[in-house]
């Protein structure tokens, strides 16, 4: 599975879990607006958790993106026949 899919799914999952937990807590305590407080706190906490615990996965995603941009990977998009045709048409 691609690293960016796993990384994104983990980050969204951590955010949703924190949001649910914080929403229940802020609603029980009586803070208003509970959804806004929970959302902001969950975003900050999820960012910190992903930065601390998902470093290797983040590094893999960064390396994959760099490889795709430089075109030096086998997983990068290779030029298809339609793109080759466009390139030859421009060269003429």
PDB file of N, CA and C in Angstrom:
ATOM      1  N   UNK A   1       0.839  -1.168   0.000  1.00  0.00           N
ATOM      2  CA  UNK A   1       0.000   0.000   0.000  1.00  0.00           C
ATOM      3  C   UNK A   1       0.891   1.239   0.000  1.00  0.00           C
ATOM      4  N   UNK A   2       0.461   2.257  -0.648  1.00  0.00           N
ATOM      5  CA  UNK A   2       1.263   3.469  -0.734  1.00  0.00           C
ATOM      6  C   UNK A   2       1.368   4.132   0.629  1.00  0.00           C
ATOM      7  N   UNK A   3       2.528   4.693   0.881  1.00  0.00           N
ATOM      8  CA  UNK A   3       2.815   5.277   2.189  1.00  0.00           C
ATOM      9  C   UNK A   3       1.907   6.472   2.492  1.00  0.00           C
ATOM     10  N   UNK A   4       1.576   7.261   1.490  1.00  0.00           N
ATOM     11  CA  UNK A   4       0.772   8.443   1.747  1.00  0.00           C
ATOM     12  C   UNK A   4      -0.647   8.079   2.136  1.00  0.00           C
ATOM     13  N   UNK A   5      -1.159   6.954   1.629  1.00  0.00           N
ATOM     14  CA  UNK A   5      -2.508   6.515   2.002  1.00  0.00           C
ATOM     15  C   UNK A   5      -2.523   6.105   3.467  1.00  0.00           C
ATOM     16  N   UNK A   6      -1.524   5.324   3.872  1.00  0.00           N
ATOM     17  CA  UNK A   6      -1.440   4.882   5.261  1.00  0.00           C
ATOM     18  C   UNK A   6      -1.256   6.087   6.182  1.00  0.00           C
ATOM     19  N   UNK A   7      -0.365   6.985   5.817  1.00  0.00           N
ATOM     20  CA  UNK A   7      -0.089   8.165   6.640  1.00  0.00           C
ATOM     21  C   UNK A   7      -1.335   9.039   6.781  1.00  0.00           C
ATOM     22  N   UNK A   8      -2.018   9.267   5.685  1.00  0.00           N
ATOM     23  CA  UNK A   8      -3.230  10.090   5.727  1.00  0.00           C
ATOM     24  C   UNK A   8      -4.328   9.423   6.540  1.00  0.00           C
ATOM     25  N   UNK A   9      -4.498   8.120   6.355  1.00  0.00           N
ATOM     26  CA  UNK A   9      -5.527   7.400   7.117  1.00  0.00           C
ATOM     27  C   UNK A   9      -5.226   7.418   8.612  1.00  0.00           C
ATOM     28  N   UNK A  10      -3.963   7.260   8.981  1.00  0.00           N
ATOM     29  CA  UNK A  10      -3.596   7.320  10.394  1.00  0.00           C
ATOM     30  C   UNK A  10      -3.857   8.704  10.978  1.00  0.00           C
ATOM     31  N   UNK A  11      -3.504   9.721  10.243  1.00  0.00           N
ATOM     32  CA  UNK A  11      -3.719  11.084  10.754  1.00  0.00           C
ATOM     33  C   UNK A  11      -5.195  11.397  10.899  1.00  0.00           C
ATOM     34  N   UNK A  12      -6.000  11.005   9.929  1.00  0.00           N
ATOM     35  CA  UNK A  12      -7.447  11.239  10.021  1.00  0.00           C
ATOM     36  C   UNK A  12      -8.041  10.426  11.169  1.00  0.00           C
ATOM     37  N   UNK A  13      -7.596   9.184  11.310  1.00  0.00           N
ATOM     38  CA  UNK A  13      -8.086   8.345  12.392  1.00  0.00           C
ATOM     39  C   UNK A  13      -7.748   8.897  13.763  1.00  0.00           C
ATOM     40  N   UNK A  14      -6.527   9.373  13.931  1.00  0.00           N
ATOM     41  CA  UNK A  14      -6.124   9.976  15.210  1.00  0.00           C
ATOM     42  C   UNK A  14      -6.959  11.219  15.482  1.00  0.00           C
ATOM     43  N   UNK A  15      -7.164  12.045  14.460  1.00  0.00           N
ATOM     44  CA  UNK A  15      -7.973  13.249  14.647  1.00  0.00           C
ATOM     45  C   UNK A  15      -9.400  12.901  15.058  1.00  0.00           C
ATOM     46  N   UNK A  16     -10.009  11.947  14.357  1.00  0.00           N
ATOM     47  CA  UNK A  16     -11.393  11.593  14.669  1.00  0.00           C
ATOM     48  C   UNK A  16     -11.533  10.990  16.060  1.00  0.00           C
ATOM     49  N   UNK A  17     -10.576  10.158  16.456  1.00  0.00           N
ATOM     50  CA  UNK A  17     -10.621   9.578  17.798  1.00  0.00           C
ATOM     51  C   UNK A  17     -10.492  10.663  18.863  1.00  0.00           C
ATOM     52  N   UNK A  18      -9.549  11.571  18.667  1.00  0.00           N
ATOM     53  CA  UNK A  18      -9.386  12.671  19.625  1.00  0.00           C
ATOM     54  C   UNK A  18     -10.592  13.596  19.637  1.00  0.00           C
ATOM     55  N   UNK A  19     -11.129  13.867  18.469  1.00  0.00           N
ATOM     56  CA  UNK A  19     -12.304  14.736  18.401  1.00  0.00           C
ATOM     57  C   UNK A  19     -13.478  14.120  19.149  1.00  0.00           C
ATOM     58  N   UNK A  20     -13.715  12.834  18.934  1.00  0.00           N
ATOM     59  CA  UNK A  20     -14.811  12.172  19.636  1.00  0.00           C
ATOM     60  C   UNK A  20     -14.633  12.204  21.141  1.00  0.00           C
ATOM     61  N   UNK A  21     -13.435  11.892  21.592  1.00  0.00           N
ATOM     62  CA  UNK A  21     -13.154  11.894  23.022  1.00  0.00           C
ATOM     63  C   UNK A  21     -13.295  13.302  23.616  1.00  0.00           C
ATOM     64  N   UNK A  22     -12.714  14.280  22.949  1.00  0.00           N
ATOM     65  CA  UNK A  22     -12.784  15.652  23.451  1.00  0.00           C
ATOM     66  C   UNK A  22     -14.193  16.232  23.367  1.00  0.00           C
ATOM     67  N   UNK A  23     -14.937  15.837  22.364  1.00  0.00           N
ATOM     68  CA  UNK A  23     -16.312  16.324  22.245  1.00  0.00           C
ATOM     69  C   UNK A  23     -17.170  15.812  23.397  1.00  0.00           C
ATOM     70  N   UNK A  24     -17.000  14.538  23.731  1.00  0.00           N
ATOM     71  CA  UNK A  24     -17.739  13.978  24.864  1.00  0.00           C
ATOM     72  C   UNK A  24     -17.343  14.686  26.159  1.00  0.00           C
ATOM     73  N   UNK A  25     -16.047  14.916  26.342  1.00  0.00           N
ATOM     74  CA  UNK A  25     -15.583  15.584  27.560  1.00  0.00           C
ATOM     75  C   UNK A  25     -16.066  17.030  27.647  1.00  0.00           C
ATOM     76  N   UNK A  26     -15.952  17.786  26.560  1.00  0.00           N
ATOM     77  CA  UNK A  26     -16.367  19.192  26.603  1.00  0.00           C
ATOM     78  C   UNK A  26     -17.876  19.327  26.726  1.00  0.00           C
ATOM     79  N   UNK A  27     -18.628  18.399  26.162  1.00  0.00           N
ATOM     80  CA  UNK A  27     -20.076  18.424  26.317  1.00  0.00           C
ATOM     81  C   UNK A  27     -20.464  18.111  27.754  1.00  0.00           C
ATOM     82  N   UNK A  28     -19.795  17.129  28.361  1.00  0.00           N
ATOM     83  CA  UNK A  28     -20.093  16.759  29.742  1.00  0.00           C
ATOM     84  C   UNK A  28     -19.751  17.895  30.707  1.00  0.00           C
ATOM     85  N   UNK A  29     -18.670  18.609  30.427  1.00  0.00           N
ATOM     86  CA  UNK A  29     -18.267  19.712  31.298  1.00  0.00           C
ATOM     87  C   UNK A  29     -19.173  20.925  31.076  1.00  0.00           C
ATOM     88  N   UNK A  30     -19.622  21.105  29.854  1.00  0.00           N
ATOM     89  CA  UNK A  30     -20.531  22.203  29.564  1.00  0.00           C
ATOM     90  C   UNK A  30     -19.903  23.357  28.813  1.00  0.00           C
ATOM     91  N   UNK A  31     -18.745  23.150  28.189  1.00  0.00           N
ATOM     92  CA  UNK A  31     -18.137  24.206  27.390  1.00  0.00           C
ATOM     93  C   UNK A  31     -18.947  24.418  26.121  1.00  0.00           C
ATOM     94  N   UNK A  32     -19.082  25.681  25.727  1.00  0.00           N
ATOM     95  CA  UNK A  32     -19.787  26.009  24.503  1.00  0.00           C
ATOM     96  C   UNK A  32     -18.884  26.844  23.627  1.00  0.00           C
ATOM     97  N   UNK A  33     -18.805  26.713  22.382  1.00  0.00           N
ATOM     98  CA  UNK A  33     -19.292  25.628  21.539  1.00  0.00           C
ATOM     99  C   UNK A  33     -18.355  24.421  21.632  1.00  0.00           C
ATOM    100  N   UNK A  34     -18.901  23.319  22.013  1.00  0.00           N
ATOM    101  CA  UNK A  34     -18.112  22.108  22.260  1.00  0.00           C
ATOM    102  C   UNK A  34     -17.437  21.604  20.992  1.00  0.00           C
ATOM    103  N   UNK A  35     -18.114  21.694  19.852  1.00  0.00           N
ATOM    104  CA  UNK A  35     -17.544  21.170  18.608  1.00  0.00           C
ATOM    105  C   UNK A  35     -16.321  21.983  18.174  1.00  0.00           C
ATOM    106  N   UNK A  36     -16.363  23.302  18.407  1.00  0.00           N
ATOM    107  CA  UNK A  36     -15.244  24.148  18.003  1.00  0.00           C
ATOM    108  C   UNK A  36     -14.030  23.927  18.900  1.00  0.00           C
ATOM    109  N   UNK A  37     -14.256  23.867  20.178  1.00  0.00           N
ATOM    110  CA  UNK A  37     -13.163  23.622  21.122  1.00  0.00           C
ATOM    111  C   UNK A  37     -12.560  22.248  20.870  1.00  0.00           C
ATOM    112  N   UNK A  38     -13.420  21.263  20.688  1.00  0.00           N
ATOM    113  CA  UNK A  38     -12.949  19.896  20.440  1.00  0.00           C
ATOM    114  C   UNK A  38     -12.183  19.794  19.127  1.00  0.00           C
ATOM    115  N   UNK A  39     -12.675  20.454  18.090  1.00  0.00           N
ATOM    116  CA  UNK A  39     -12.012  20.415  16.794  1.00  0.00           C
ATOM    117  C   UNK A  39     -10.636  21.051  16.808  1.00  0.00           C
ATOM    118  N   UNK A  40     -10.540  22.209  17.439  1.00  0.00           N
ATOM    119  CA  UNK A  40      -9.240  22.889  17.510  1.00  0.00           C
ATOM    120  C   UNK A  40      -8.247  22.105  18.352  1.00  0.00           C
ATOM    121  N   UNK A  41      -8.693  21.623  19.504  1.00  0.00           N
ATOM    122  CA  UNK A  41      -7.801  20.852  20.371  1.00  0.00           C
ATOM    123  C   UNK A  41      -7.398  19.537  19.708  1.00  0.00           C
ATOM    124  N   UNK A  42      -8.335  18.879  19.040  1.00  0.00           N
ATOM    125  CA  UNK A  42      -8.022  17.619  18.366  1.00  0.00           C
ATOM    126  C   UNK A  42      -7.035  17.838  17.223  1.00  0.00           C
ATOM    127  N   UNK A  43      -7.166  18.939  16.495  1.00  0.00           N
ATOM    128  CA  UNK A  43      -6.243  19.229  15.395  1.00  0.00           C
ATOM    129  C   UNK A  43      -4.824  19.438  15.910  1.00  0.00           C
ATOM    130  N   UNK A  44      -4.691  20.198  16.983  1.00  0.00           N
ATOM    131  CA  UNK A  44      -3.361  20.460  17.545  1.00  0.00           C
ATOM    132  C   UNK A  44      -2.758  19.173  18.108  1.00  0.00           C
ATOM    133  N   UNK A  45      -3.547  18.415  18.860  1.00  0.00           N
ATOM    134  CA  UNK A  45      -3.036  17.171  19.440  1.00  0.00           C
ATOM    135  C   UNK A  45      -2.699  16.138  18.363  1.00  0.00           C
ATOM    136  N   UNK A  46      -3.535  16.025  17.327  1.00  0.00           N
ATOM    137  CA  UNK A  46      -3.255  15.078  16.249  1.00  0.00           C
ATOM    138  C   UNK A  46      -1.981  15.457  15.501  1.00  0.00           C
ATOM    139  N   UNK A  47      -1.756  16.753  15.315  1.00  0.00           N
ATOM    140  CA  UNK A  47      -0.528  17.203  14.683  1.00  0.00           C
ATOM    141  C   UNK A  47       0.686  16.800  15.513  1.00  0.00           C
ATOM    142  N   UNK A  48       0.616  17.026  16.813  1.00  0.00           N
ATOM    143  CA  UNK A  48       1.729  16.664  17.699  1.00  0.00           C
ATOM    144  C   UNK A  48       1.965  15.157  17.710  1.00  0.00           C
ATOM    145  N   UNK A  49       0.906  14.391  17.789  1.00  0.00           N
ATOM    146  CA  UNK A  49       1.040  12.924  17.812  1.00  0.00           C
ATOM    147  C   UNK A  49       1.633  12.421  16.505  1.00  0.00           C
ATOM    148  N   UNK A  50       1.157  12.933  15.387  1.00  0.00           N
ATOM    149  CA  UNK A  50       1.687  12.464  14.105  1.00  0.00           C
ATOM    150  C   UNK A  50       3.142  12.892  13.914  1.00  0.00           C
ATOM    151  N   UNK A  51       3.506  14.051  14.414  1.00  0.00           N
ATOM    152  CA  UNK A  51       4.887  14.515  14.290  1.00  0.00           C
ATOM    153  C   UNK A  51       5.827  13.667  15.150  1.00  0.00           C
ATOM    154  N   UNK A  52       5.386  13.310  16.339  1.00  0.00           N
ATOM    155  CA  UNK A  52       6.241  12.558  17.254  1.00  0.00           C
ATOM    156  C   UNK A  52       6.307  11.075  16.891  1.00  0.00           C
ATOM    157  N   UNK A  53       5.162  10.456  16.613  1.00  0.00           N
ATOM    158  CA  UNK A  53       5.108   9.007  16.477  1.00  0.00           C
ATOM    159  C   UNK A  53       5.141   8.486  15.041  1.00  0.00           C
ATOM    160  N   UNK A  54       4.837   9.304  14.061  1.00  0.00           N
ATOM    161  CA  UNK A  54       4.778   8.836  12.672  1.00  0.00           C
ATOM    162  C   UNK A  54       5.930   9.378  11.836  1.00  0.00           C
ATOM    163  N   UNK A  55       7.088   9.574  12.435  1.00  0.00           N
ATOM    164  CA  UNK A  55       8.224  10.170  11.745  1.00  0.00           C
ATOM    165  C   UNK A  55       8.747   9.334  10.592  1.00  0.00           C
ATOM    166  N   UNK A  56       8.881   8.031  10.818  1.00  0.00           N
ATOM    167  CA  UNK A  56       9.400   7.170   9.734  1.00  0.00           C
ATOM    168  C   UNK A  56       8.438   7.125   8.557  1.00  0.00           C
ATOM    169  N   UNK A  57       7.146   7.045   8.849  1.00  0.00           N
ATOM    170  CA  UNK A  57       6.159   7.023   7.777  1.00  0.00           C
ATOM    171  C   UNK A  57       6.136   8.357   7.032  1.00  0.00           C
ATOM    172  N   UNK A  58       6.250   9.454   7.759  1.00  0.00           N
ATOM    173  CA  UNK A  58       6.302  10.778   7.130  1.00  0.00           C
ATOM    174  C   UNK A  58       7.538  10.896   6.237  1.00  0.00           C
ATOM    175  N   UNK A  59       8.649  10.327   6.684  1.00  0.00           N
ATOM    176  CA  UNK A  59       9.880  10.341   5.891  1.00  0.00           C
ATOM    177  C   UNK A  59       9.708   9.554   4.592  1.00  0.00           C
ATOM    178  N   UNK A  60       9.032   8.395   4.679  1.00  0.00           N
ATOM    179  CA  UNK A  60       8.769   7.607   3.467  1.00  0.00           C
ATOM    180  C   UNK A  60       7.902   8.375   2.488  1.00  0.00           C
ATOM    181  N   UNK A  61       6.889   9.053   3.002  1.00  0.00           N
ATOM    182  CA  UNK A  61       6.020   9.850   2.131  1.00  0.00           C
ATOM    183  C   UNK A  61       6.826  10.962   1.466  1.00  0.00           C
ATOM    184  N   UNK A  62       7.674  11.628   2.224  1.00  0.00           N
ATOM    185  CA  UNK A  62       8.490  12.706   1.668  1.00  0.00           C
ATOM    186  C   UNK A  62       9.437  12.188   0.597  1.00  0.00           C
ATOM    187  N   UNK A  63      10.050  11.027   0.833  1.00  0.00           N
ATOM    188  CA  UNK A  63      10.954  10.450  -0.160  1.00  0.00           C
ATOM    189  C   UNK A  63      10.199  10.025  -1.412  1.00  0.00           C
ATOM    190  N   UNK A  64       9.001   9.466  -1.246  1.00  0.00           N
ATOM    191  CA  UNK A  64       8.189   9.089  -2.403  1.00  0.00           C
ATOM    192  C   UNK A  64       7.811  10.319  -3.222  1.00  0.00           C
ATOM    193  N   UNK A  65       7.428  11.397  -2.550  1.00  0.00           N
ATOM    194  CA  UNK A  65       7.072  12.623  -3.273  1.00  0.00           C
ATOM    195  C   UNK A  65       8.272  13.205  -4.002  1.00  0.00           C
ATOM    196  N   UNK A  66       9.424  13.190  -3.359  1.00  0.00           N
ATOM    197  CA  UNK A  66      10.628  13.703  -4.000  1.00  0.00           C
ATOM    198  C   UNK A  66      11.010  12.861  -5.210  1.00  0.00           C
ATOM    199  N   UNK A  67      10.850  11.543  -5.088  1.00  0.00           N
ATOM    200  CA  UNK A  67      11.171  10.663  -6.208  1.00  0.00           C
ATOM    201  C   UNK A  67      10.209  10.872  -7.374  1.00  0.00           C
ATOM    202  N   UNK A  68       8.944  11.085  -7.080  1.00  0.00           N
ATOM    203  CA  UNK A  68       7.968  11.312  -8.141  1.00  0.00           C
ATOM    204  C   UNK A  68       8.259  12.638  -8.839  1.00  0.00           C
ATOM    205  N   UNK A  69       8.600  13.655  -8.073  1.00  0.00           N
ATOM    206  CA  UNK A  69       8.907  14.958  -8.680  1.00  0.00           C
ATOM    207  C   UNK A  69      10.152  14.902  -9.547  1.00  0.00           C
ATOM    208  N   UNK A  70      11.145  14.107  -9.132  1.00  0.00           N
ATOM    209  CA  UNK A  70      12.368  14.026  -9.926  1.00  0.00           C
ATOM    210  C   UNK A  70      12.243  13.001 -11.045  1.00  0.00           C
ATOM    211  N   UNK A  71      11.233  12.146 -10.987  1.00  0.00           N
ATOM    212  CA  UNK A  71      11.018  11.141 -12.023  1.00  0.00           C
ATOM    213  C   UNK A  71      11.985   9.984 -11.944  1.00  0.00           C
ATOM    214  N   UNK A  72      12.559   9.725 -10.793  1.00  0.00           N
ATOM    215  CA  UNK A  72      13.578   8.681 -10.681  1.00  0.00           C
ATOM    216  C   UNK A  72      13.090   7.421  -9.989  1.00  0.00           C
ATOM    217  N   UNK A  73      11.810   7.161  -9.992  1.00  0.00           N
ATOM    218  CA  UNK A  73      11.301   5.976  -9.324  1.00  0.00           C
ATOM    219  C   UNK A  73      10.469   5.143 -10.282  1.00  0.00           C
ATOM    220  N   UNK A  74      10.415   3.880 -10.000  1.00  0.00           N
ATOM    221  CA  UNK A  74       9.611   2.997 -10.841  1.00  0.00           C
ATOM    222  C   UNK A  74       8.137   3.156 -10.547  1.00  0.00           C
ATOM    223  N   UNK A  75       7.782   3.711  -9.367  1.00  0.00           N
ATOM    224  CA  UNK A  75       6.374   3.913  -9.046  1.00  0.00           C
ATOM    225  C   UNK A  75       5.858   5.233  -9.591  1.00  0.00           C
ATOM    226  N   UNK A  76       6.745   6.050 -10.113  1.00  0.00           N
ATOM    227  CA  UNK A  76       6.318   7.326 -10.678  1.00  0.00           C
ATOM    228  C   UNK A  76       5.535   7.078 -11.968  1.00  0.00           C
ATOM    229  N   UNK A  77       4.727   8.037 -12.319  1.00  0.00           N
ATOM    230  CA  UNK A  77       3.930   7.938 -13.538  1.00  0.00           C
ATOM    231  C   UNK A  77       4.845   7.975 -14.754  1.00  0.00           C
ATOM    232  N   UNK A  78       4.726   6.990 -15.581  1.00  0.00           N
ATOM    233  CA  UNK A  78       5.532   6.935 -16.796  1.00  0.00           C
ATOM    234  C   UNK A  78       4.706   7.489 -17.960  1.00  0.00           C
ATOM    235  N   UNK A  79       5.388   8.102 -18.885  1.00  0.00           N
ATOM    236  CA  UNK A  79       4.710   8.699 -20.029  1.00  0.00           C
ATOM    237  C   UNK A  79       4.023   7.623 -20.840  1.00  0.00           C
ATOM    238  N   UNK A  80       2.757   7.855 -21.126  1.00  0.00           N
ATOM    239  CA  UNK A  80       1.980   6.912 -21.915  1.00  0.00           C
ATOM    240  C   UNK A  80       2.056   7.243 -23.383  1.00  0.00           C
ATOM    241  N   UNK A  81       1.362   6.467 -24.190  1.00  0.00           N
ATOM    242  CA  UNK A  81       1.435   6.656 -25.627  1.00  0.00           C
ATOM    243  C   UNK A  81       0.819   7.989 -26.047  1.00  0.00           C
ATOM    244  N   UNK A  82      -0.224   8.430 -25.349  1.00  0.00           N
ATOM    245  CA  UNK A  82      -0.812   9.715 -25.713  1.00  0.00           C
ATOM    246  C   UNK A  82       0.117  10.867 -25.374  1.00  0.00           C
ATOM    247  N   UNK A  83       0.857  10.750 -24.286  1.00  0.00           N
ATOM    248  CA  UNK A  83       1.802  11.799 -23.933  1.00  0.00           C
ATOM    249  C   UNK A  83       2.995  11.801 -24.878  1.00  0.00           C
ATOM    250  N   UNK A  84       3.412  10.617 -25.316  1.00  0.00           N
ATOM    251  CA  UNK A  84       4.480  10.541 -26.306  1.00  0.00           C
ATOM    252  C   UNK A  84       4.038  11.188 -27.616  1.00  0.00           C
ATOM    253  N   UNK A  85       2.801  10.954 -28.006  1.00  0.00           N
ATOM    254  CA  UNK A  85       2.283  11.531 -29.236  1.00  0.00           C
ATOM    255  C   UNK A  85       2.243  13.058 -29.136  1.00  0.00           C
ATOM    256  N   UNK A  86       1.847  13.570 -27.970  1.00  0.00           N
ATOM    257  CA  UNK A  86       1.817  15.022 -27.785  1.00  0.00           C
ATOM    258  C   UNK A  86       3.223  15.601 -27.855  1.00  0.00           C
ATOM    259  N   UNK A  87       4.191  14.909 -27.250  1.00  0.00           N
ATOM    260  CA  UNK A  87       5.571  15.402 -27.276  1.00  0.00           C
ATOM    261  C   UNK A  87       6.132  15.429 -28.691  1.00  0.00           C
ATOM    262  N   UNK A  88       5.861  14.381 -29.475  1.00  0.00           N
ATOM    263  CA  UNK A  88       6.351  14.363 -30.852  1.00  0.00           C
ATOM    264  C   UNK A  88       5.635  15.411 -31.694  1.00  0.00           C
ATOM    265  N   UNK A  89       4.366  15.663 -31.413  1.00  0.00           N
ATOM    266  CA  UNK A  89       3.629  16.665 -32.174  1.00  0.00           C
ATOM    267  C   UNK A  89       4.182  18.054 -31.878  1.00  0.00           C
ATOM    268  N   UNK A  90       4.571  18.312 -30.647  1.00  0.00           N
ATOM    269  CA  UNK A  90       5.159  19.609 -30.309  1.00  0.00           C
ATOM    270  C   UNK A  90       6.534  19.785 -30.912  1.00  0.00           C
ATOM    271  N   UNK A  91       7.287  18.696 -30.997  1.00  0.00           N
ATOM    272  CA  UNK A  91       8.644  18.764 -31.529  1.00  0.00           C
ATOM    273  C   UNK A  91       8.631  19.082 -33.020  1.00  0.00           C
ATOM    274  N   UNK A  92       7.552  18.706 -33.692  1.00  0.00           N
ATOM    275  CA  UNK A  92       7.474  18.941 -35.160  1.00  0.00           C
ATOM    276  C   UNK A  92       7.141  20.339 -35.498  1.00  0.00           C
TER     277      UNK A  92
END
